[in-house]
Amino acid sequence: MKVSEIMVKDFLSLEADDTLAEAAKKLASNDQSEAPVIRARKFIGMFLTSDLAAVFVKRGLVGVSRADTDKVRTDVVSKHIRSTKTWLHPDADIFSMLLLLVHRNVDVIPVLDKEKKVIGIVRVSDIRKEMSKMLSEGGKLPVRTKEKALEMDMLEGNTAIDHIVHYVQRRGSASADEVAKKCNLTIQEVEEYANSLEKNGLLKLEYNIFGKMKLHRPES
């Protein structure tokens, strides 16, 4: 199954210059906890209800002045967006969707074209339904062959976590520095992804005496 087969083309998005008040109203009206943020139709990150809650906590709105409250209300969404790494290409497969769920528990995953424009979203509720079908009587688990894995690695716009998994699978092991250079990521991003993958048994990690991380293919 490709992302294009499951994605929703009618979706909520937030503009970079939306105020927090506007964003909160849109999320509440659509009963969503997160939405992609766009500028000139291009994806710049995700905005989550938890980000909004953090603003309230940081500002300590209880007991502050009306002026402070108005300042928060008119603050813009673009100042509070999350990483731009969590997205999918329309030709990616269900493994790419599942790997993103391994890394971060999300409700919505944006789908981007080659120009980084948001063309749809994948709802995690729909992925759950697909997993249910796979595990039902007569259902089949997805299989990513070596040929398919190589094809996915060649795909422009493939997810960073996909690149990490397949690079380490092919090499057997690699340092975090090597993975960062190969996958065009920072060391911090590689470590964040690697920790999620190790927690779920998809990688094994070790550290040298200087604290440098090395990623290993897990034992079968």
C-alpha atoms as a PDB file:
ATOM      1  CA  MET A   1       0.000   0.000   0.000  1.00  0.00           C
ATOM      2  CA  LYS A   2       1.269   3.436  -0.964  1.00  0.00           C
ATOM      3  CA  VAL A   3       0.757   6.619   1.027  1.00  0.00           C
ATOM      4  CA  SER A   4      -1.201   8.045  -1.922  1.00  0.00           C
ATOM      5  CA  GLU A   5      -3.793   5.273  -1.469  1.00  0.00           C
ATOM      6  CA  ILE A   6      -4.532   6.125   2.146  1.00  0.00           C
ATOM      7  CA  MET A   7      -3.939   9.872   2.345  1.00  0.00           C
ATOM      8  CA  VAL A   8      -6.774  12.372   2.798  1.00  0.00           C
ATOM      9  CA  LYS A   9      -6.798  15.304   0.392  1.00  0.00           C
ATOM     10  CA  ASP A  10      -9.327  17.394   2.320  1.00  0.00           C
ATOM     11  CA  PHE A  11      -7.471  18.354   5.497  1.00  0.00           C
ATOM     12  CA  LEU A  12      -6.880  21.057   8.091  1.00  0.00           C
ATOM     13  CA  SER A  13      -3.724  23.128   7.796  1.00  0.00           C
ATOM     14  CA  LEU A  14      -2.551  26.238   9.579  1.00  0.00           C
ATOM     15  CA  GLU A  15      -0.935  29.273   7.997  1.00  0.00           C
ATOM     16  CA  ALA A  16       2.424  30.366   9.380  1.00  0.00           C
ATOM     17  CA  ASP A  17       0.975  33.779  10.270  1.00  0.00           C
ATOM     18  CA  ASP A  18      -2.136  32.415  12.010  1.00  0.00           C
ATOM     19  CA  THR A  19      -2.347  33.658  15.574  1.00  0.00           C
ATOM     20  CA  LEU A  20      -2.417  31.202  18.452  1.00  0.00           C
ATOM     21  CA  ALA A  21      -6.053  32.161  19.003  1.00  0.00           C
ATOM     22  CA  GLU A  22      -6.900  31.297  15.386  1.00  0.00           C
ATOM     23  CA  ALA A  23      -4.916  28.035  15.539  1.00  0.00           C
ATOM     24  CA  ALA A  24      -6.607  26.970  18.770  1.00  0.00           C
ATOM     25  CA  LYS A  25     -10.038  27.648  17.293  1.00  0.00           C
ATOM     26  CA  LYS A  26      -9.270  25.683  14.104  1.00  0.00           C
ATOM     27  CA  LEU A  27      -7.904  22.676  16.017  1.00  0.00           C
ATOM     28  CA  ALA A  28     -10.857  22.674  18.407  1.00  0.00           C
ATOM     29  CA  SER A  29     -13.422  23.045  15.608  1.00  0.00           C
ATOM     30  CA  ASN A  30     -11.912  20.079  13.736  1.00  0.00           C
ATOM     31  CA  ASP A  31     -11.359  18.015  16.903  1.00  0.00           C
ATOM     32  CA  GLN A  32      -7.663  17.601  16.031  1.00  0.00           C
ATOM     33  CA  SER A  33      -4.582  17.684  18.238  1.00  0.00           C
ATOM     34  CA  GLU A  34      -2.133  18.714  15.501  1.00  0.00           C
ATOM     35  CA  ALA A  35      -1.946  20.114  11.987  1.00  0.00           C
ATOM     36  CA  PRO A  36       0.694  20.945   9.360  1.00  0.00           C
ATOM     37  CA  VAL A  37       1.786  24.571   9.128  1.00  0.00           C
ATOM     38  CA  ILE A  38       2.306  26.043   5.673  1.00  0.00           C
ATOM     39  CA  ARG A  39       3.698  29.196   4.112  1.00  0.00           C
ATOM     40  CA  ALA A  40       2.875  29.754   0.427  1.00  0.00           C
ATOM     41  CA  ARG A  41       1.536  26.147   0.454  1.00  0.00           C
ATOM     42  CA  LYS A  42       4.966  24.801   1.493  1.00  0.00           C
ATOM     43  CA  PHE A  43       5.359  22.742   4.652  1.00  0.00           C
ATOM     44  CA  ILE A  44       7.358  24.385   7.439  1.00  0.00           C
ATOM     45  CA  GLY A  45       6.480  22.168  10.417  1.00  0.00           C
ATOM     46  CA  MET A  46       3.781  20.794  12.700  1.00  0.00           C
ATOM     47  CA  PHE A  47       1.801  22.620  15.385  1.00  0.00           C
ATOM     48  CA  LEU A  48       0.458  20.556  18.280  1.00  0.00           C
ATOM     49  CA  THR A  49      -2.048  21.168  21.036  1.00  0.00           C
ATOM     50  CA  SER A  50       0.784  20.352  23.435  1.00  0.00           C
ATOM     51  CA  ASP A  51       2.753  23.279  21.968  1.00  0.00           C
ATOM     52  CA  LEU A  52      -0.163  25.549  22.728  1.00  0.00           C
ATOM     53  CA  ALA A  53      -0.408  24.175  26.265  1.00  0.00           C
ATOM     54  CA  ALA A  54       3.325  24.841  26.721  1.00  0.00           C
ATOM     55  CA  VAL A  55       2.792  28.497  25.809  1.00  0.00           C
ATOM     56  CA  PHE A  56       0.184  28.823  28.545  1.00  0.00           C
ATOM     57  CA  VAL A  57       2.434  27.160  31.099  1.00  0.00           C
ATOM     58  CA  LYS A  58       5.493  29.224  30.145  1.00  0.00           C
ATOM     59  CA  ARG A  59       3.560  32.465  30.312  1.00  0.00           C
ATOM     60  CA  GLY A  60       1.864  31.562  33.569  1.00  0.00           C
ATOM     61  CA  LEU A  61      -1.377  33.118  32.384  1.00  0.00           C
ATOM     62  CA  VAL A  62      -3.210  32.714  35.679  1.00  0.00           C
ATOM     63  CA  GLY A  63      -3.038  36.051  37.422  1.00  0.00           C
ATOM     64  CA  VAL A  64      -1.117  37.978  34.745  1.00  0.00           C
ATOM     65  CA  SER A  65      -2.233  41.196  33.139  1.00  0.00           C
ATOM     66  CA  ARG A  66      -4.736  41.519  30.306  1.00  0.00           C
ATOM     67  CA  ALA A  67      -1.946  42.913  28.134  1.00  0.00           C
ATOM     68  CA  ASP A  68       0.121  39.732  28.594  1.00  0.00           C
ATOM     69  CA  THR A  69      -2.893  37.590  27.734  1.00  0.00           C
ATOM     70  CA  ASP A  70      -3.512  39.590  24.553  1.00  0.00           C
ATOM     71  CA  LYS A  71       0.158  39.234  23.601  1.00  0.00           C
ATOM     72  CA  VAL A  72      -0.076  35.449  23.773  1.00  0.00           C
ATOM     73  CA  ARG A  73      -3.389  35.430  21.920  1.00  0.00           C
ATOM     74  CA  THR A  74      -1.870  37.366  18.988  1.00  0.00           C
ATOM     75  CA  ASP A  75       1.450  35.478  18.881  1.00  0.00           C
ATOM     76  CA  VAL A  76       1.926  33.624  15.572  1.00  0.00           C
ATOM     77  CA  VAL A  77       2.031  29.861  15.010  1.00  0.00           C
ATOM     78  CA  SER A  78       5.351  29.916  13.116  1.00  0.00           C
ATOM     79  CA  LYS A  79       7.190  30.691  16.365  1.00  0.00           C
ATOM     80  CA  HIS A  80       6.032  27.420  17.916  1.00  0.00           C
ATOM     81  CA  ILE A  81       6.277  24.775  15.180  1.00  0.00           C
ATOM     82  CA  ARG A  82       7.948  21.385  15.566  1.00  0.00           C
ATOM     83  CA  SER A  83      10.584  19.683  13.422  1.00  0.00           C
ATOM     84  CA  THR A  84      10.011  19.478   9.674  1.00  0.00           C
ATOM     85  CA  LYS A  85      11.310  15.859   9.541  1.00  0.00           C
ATOM     86  CA  THR A  86       8.000  14.070  10.181  1.00  0.00           C
ATOM     87  CA  TRP A  87       6.371  13.777   6.757  1.00  0.00           C
ATOM     88  CA  LEU A  88       5.801  11.270   3.970  1.00  0.00           C
ATOM     89  CA  HIS A  89       6.222  11.083   0.204  1.00  0.00           C
ATOM     90  CA  PRO A  90       3.076   9.956  -1.703  1.00  0.00           C
ATOM     91  CA  ASP A  91       4.961   6.966  -3.177  1.00  0.00           C
ATOM     92  CA  ALA A  92       6.253   5.744   0.201  1.00  0.00           C
ATOM     93  CA  ASP A  93       4.846   2.476   1.530  1.00  0.00           C
ATOM     94  CA  ILE A  94       3.204   1.437   4.778  1.00  0.00           C
ATOM     95  CA  PHE A  95       6.614   0.633   6.307  1.00  0.00           C
ATOM     96  CA  SER A  96       7.467   4.334   6.113  1.00  0.00           C
ATOM     97  CA  MET A  97       4.231   5.161   7.922  1.00  0.00           C
ATOM     98  CA  LEU A  98       4.936   2.583  10.628  1.00  0.00           C
ATOM     99  CA  LEU A  99       8.515   3.768  11.130  1.00  0.00           C
ATOM    100  CA  LEU A 100       7.291   7.291  11.801  1.00  0.00           C
ATOM    101  CA  LEU A 101       4.857   5.913  14.382  1.00  0.00           C
ATOM    102  CA  VAL A 102       7.740   4.023  16.021  1.00  0.00           C
ATOM    103  CA  HIS A 103       9.617   7.304  16.335  1.00  0.00           C
ATOM    104  CA  ARG A 104       6.803   9.547  17.504  1.00  0.00           C
ATOM    105  CA  ASN A 105       3.215   9.020  18.520  1.00  0.00           C
ATOM    106  CA  VAL A 106       1.323  11.259  16.091  1.00  0.00           C
ATOM    107  CA  ASP A 107      -2.256  11.768  14.978  1.00  0.00           C
ATOM    108  CA  VAL A 108      -1.533  13.334  11.598  1.00  0.00           C
ATOM    109  CA  ILE A 109       1.355  12.885   9.147  1.00  0.00           C
ATOM    110  CA  PRO A 110       1.603  15.403   6.280  1.00  0.00           C
ATOM    111  CA  VAL A 111       2.242  14.186   2.734  1.00  0.00           C
ATOM    112  CA  LEU A 112       4.547  16.379   0.638  1.00  0.00           C
ATOM    113  CA  ASP A 113       5.347  16.525  -3.056  1.00  0.00           C
ATOM    114  CA  LYS A 114       8.835  17.194  -4.473  1.00  0.00           C
ATOM    115  CA  GLU A 115       8.373  20.918  -3.971  1.00  0.00           C
ATOM    116  CA  LYS A 116       7.612  20.344  -0.257  1.00  0.00           C
ATOM    117  CA  LYS A 117       3.988  21.383  -0.742  1.00  0.00           C
ATOM    118  CA  VAL A 118       1.398  19.655   1.424  1.00  0.00           C
ATOM    119  CA  ILE A 119      -0.847  17.600  -0.851  1.00  0.00           C
ATOM    120  CA  GLY A 120      -2.593  15.541   1.820  1.00  0.00           C
ATOM    121  CA  ILE A 121      -2.355  13.977   5.246  1.00  0.00           C
ATOM    122  CA  VAL A 122      -2.286  10.447   6.599  1.00  0.00           C
ATOM    123  CA  ARG A 123      -4.486   9.970   9.660  1.00  0.00           C
ATOM    124  CA  VAL A 124      -3.087   7.557  12.196  1.00  0.00           C
ATOM    125  CA  SER A 125      -6.609   6.250  12.778  1.00  0.00           C
ATOM    126  CA  ASP A 126      -6.530   4.998   9.152  1.00  0.00           C
ATOM    127  CA  ILE A 127      -3.126   3.343   9.699  1.00  0.00           C
ATOM    128  CA  ARG A 128      -4.575   1.586  12.758  1.00  0.00           C
ATOM    129  CA  LYS A 129      -7.379   0.224  10.572  1.00  0.00           C
ATOM    130  CA  GLU A 130      -4.821  -1.104   8.082  1.00  0.00           C
ATOM    131  CA  MET A 131      -2.864  -2.795  10.870  1.00  0.00           C
ATOM    132  CA  SER A 132      -6.090  -4.373  12.087  1.00  0.00           C
ATOM    133  CA  LYS A 133      -6.713  -5.774   8.591  1.00  0.00           C
ATOM    134  CA  MET A 134      -3.161  -7.173   8.486  1.00  0.00           C
ATOM    135  CA  LEU A 135      -3.695  -9.023  11.747  1.00  0.00           C
ATOM    136  CA  SER A 136      -7.209 -10.217  11.008  1.00  0.00           C
ATOM    137  CA  GLU A 137      -7.906 -13.729   9.808  1.00  0.00           C
ATOM    138  CA  GLY A 138      -6.620 -14.069   6.271  1.00  0.00           C
ATOM    139  CA  GLY A 139      -4.703 -10.794   6.436  1.00  0.00           C
ATOM    140  CA  LYS A 140      -1.084 -10.517   5.302  1.00  0.00           C
ATOM    141  CA  LEU A 141       1.763  -8.674   6.980  1.00  0.00           C
ATOM    142  CA  PRO A 142       3.637  -6.221   4.724  1.00  0.00           C
ATOM    143  CA  VAL A 143       6.996  -7.361   3.371  1.00  0.00           C
ATOM    144  CA  ARG A 144       9.729  -5.010   2.203  1.00  0.00           C
ATOM    145  CA  THR A 145      12.138  -6.953   0.003  1.00  0.00           C
ATOM    146  CA  LYS A 146      15.776  -5.906  -0.456  1.00  0.00           C
ATOM    147  CA  GLU A 147      14.867  -4.617  -3.902  1.00  0.00           C
ATOM    148  CA  LYS A 148      12.007  -2.564  -2.473  1.00  0.00           C
ATOM    149  CA  ALA A 149      14.241  -1.235   0.299  1.00  0.00           C
ATOM    150  CA  LEU A 150      16.783  -0.070  -2.280  1.00  0.00           C
ATOM    151  CA  GLU A 151      13.997   1.520  -4.317  1.00  0.00           C
ATOM    152  CA  MET A 152      12.758   3.378  -1.237  1.00  0.00           C
ATOM    153  CA  ASP A 153      16.260   4.633  -0.467  1.00  0.00           C
ATOM    154  CA  MET A 154      16.499   6.008  -3.996  1.00  0.00           C
ATOM    155  CA  LEU A 155      13.179   7.816  -3.657  1.00  0.00           C
ATOM    156  CA  GLU A 156      13.604  11.556  -3.330  1.00  0.00           C
ATOM    157  CA  GLY A 157      11.834  12.739  -0.219  1.00  0.00           C
ATOM    158  CA  ASN A 158      12.002   9.411   1.606  1.00  0.00           C
ATOM    159  CA  THR A 159      11.902   9.824   5.375  1.00  0.00           C
ATOM    160  CA  ALA A 160      15.058  10.289   7.414  1.00  0.00           C
ATOM    161  CA  ILE A 161      14.179   7.381   9.677  1.00  0.00           C
ATOM    162  CA  ASP A 162      13.797   5.118   6.607  1.00  0.00           C
ATOM    163  CA  HIS A 163      17.268   6.115   5.431  1.00  0.00           C
ATOM    164  CA  ILE A 164      18.792   5.373   8.841  1.00  0.00           C
ATOM    165  CA  VAL A 165      17.170   1.937   9.157  1.00  0.00           C
ATOM    166  CA  HIS A 166      18.147   0.769   5.666  1.00  0.00           C
ATOM    167  CA  TYR A 167      21.653   2.215   5.783  1.00  0.00           C
ATOM    168  CA  VAL A 168      22.426   0.368   9.021  1.00  0.00           C
ATOM    169  CA  GLN A 169      20.693  -2.785   7.753  1.00  0.00           C
ATOM    170  CA  ARG A 170      22.941  -2.835   4.678  1.00  0.00           C
ATOM    171  CA  ARG A 171      26.156  -1.916   6.470  1.00  0.00           C
ATOM    172  CA  GLY A 172      25.589  -3.975   9.616  1.00  0.00           C
ATOM    173  CA  SER A 173      26.854  -1.093  11.744  1.00  0.00           C
ATOM    174  CA  ALA A 174      27.777   2.569  11.375  1.00  0.00           C
ATOM    175  CA  SER A 175      28.808   5.454  13.601  1.00  0.00           C
ATOM    176  CA  ALA A 176      26.344   8.255  14.287  1.00  0.00           C
ATOM    177  CA  ASP A 177      28.749  10.639  12.497  1.00  0.00           C
ATOM    178  CA  GLU A 178      28.723   8.448   9.382  1.00  0.00           C
ATOM    179  CA  VAL A 179      24.919   8.119   9.424  1.00  0.00           C
ATOM    180  CA  ALA A 180      24.502  11.872   9.879  1.00  0.00           C
ATOM    181  CA  LYS A 181      26.653  12.612   6.810  1.00  0.00           C
ATOM    182  CA  LYS A 182      25.001   9.912   4.692  1.00  0.00           C
ATOM    183  CA  CYS A 183      21.446  10.903   5.606  1.00  0.00           C
ATOM    184  CA  ASN A 184      22.016  14.683   5.716  1.00  0.00           C
ATOM    185  CA  LEU A 185      21.055  14.941   9.392  1.00  0.00           C
ATOM    186  CA  THR A 186      22.584  16.446  12.503  1.00  0.00           C
ATOM    187  CA  ILE A 187      24.158  14.178  15.109  1.00  0.00           C
ATOM    188  CA  GLN A 188      21.364  15.178  17.500  1.00  0.00           C
ATOM    189  CA  GLU A 189      18.708  14.094  14.985  1.00  0.00           C
ATOM    190  CA  VAL A 190      20.428  10.746  14.385  1.00  0.00           C
ATOM    191  CA  GLU A 191      20.640  10.126  18.134  1.00  0.00           C
ATOM    192  CA  GLU A 192      16.962  11.000  18.595  1.00  0.00           C
ATOM    193  CA  TYR A 193      15.864   8.617  15.841  1.00  0.00           C
ATOM    194  CA  ALA A 194      18.293   5.898  16.970  1.00  0.00           C
ATOM    195  CA  ASN A 195      17.019   5.955  20.550  1.00  0.00           C
ATOM    196  CA  SER A 196      13.435   5.493  19.317  1.00  0.00           C
ATOM    197  CA  LEU A 197      14.518   2.617  17.082  1.00  0.00           C
ATOM    198  CA  GLU A 198      16.512   0.900  19.835  1.00  0.00           C
ATOM    199  CA  LYS A 199      13.598   1.190  22.252  1.00  0.00           C
ATOM    200  CA  ASN A 200      11.520  -0.814  19.777  1.00  0.00           C
ATOM    201  CA  GLY A 201      14.204  -3.393  18.962  1.00  0.00           C
ATOM    202  CA  LEU A 202      14.945  -2.087  15.458  1.00  0.00           C
ATOM    203  CA  LEU A 203      18.554  -1.101  16.208  1.00  0.00           C
ATOM    204  CA  LYS A 204      21.218  -1.845  18.789  1.00  0.00           C
ATOM    205  CA  LEU A 205      23.330   1.013  20.130  1.00  0.00           C
ATOM    206  CA  GLU A 206      26.729   1.140  21.765  1.00  0.00           C
ATOM    207  CA  TYR A 207      28.942   3.983  22.953  1.00  0.00           C
ATOM    208  CA  ASN A 208      32.724   4.282  23.039  1.00  0.00           C
ATOM    209  CA  ILE A 209      34.693   5.746  25.954  1.00  0.00           C
ATOM    210  CA  PHE A 210      34.168   9.222  24.520  1.00  0.00           C
ATOM    211  CA  GLY A 211      30.382   8.802  24.429  1.00  0.00           C
ATOM    212  CA  LYS A 212      30.203   8.516  20.639  1.00  0.00           C
ATOM    213  CA  MET A 213      27.234   6.467  19.406  1.00  0.00           C
ATOM    214  CA  LYS A 214      27.457   3.494  17.054  1.00  0.00           C
ATOM    215  CA  LEU A 215      24.366   1.945  15.439  1.00  0.00           C
ATOM    216  CA  HIS A 216      24.136  -1.809  14.815  1.00  0.00           C
ATOM    217  CA  ARG A 217      21.725  -4.017  12.928  1.00  0.00           C
ATOM    218  CA  PRO A 218      19.747  -5.974  15.549  1.00  0.00           C
ATOM    219  CA  GLU A 219      20.224  -9.718  15.794  1.00  0.00           C
ATOM    220  CA  SER A 220      17.507 -11.692  14.007  1.00  0.00           C
END
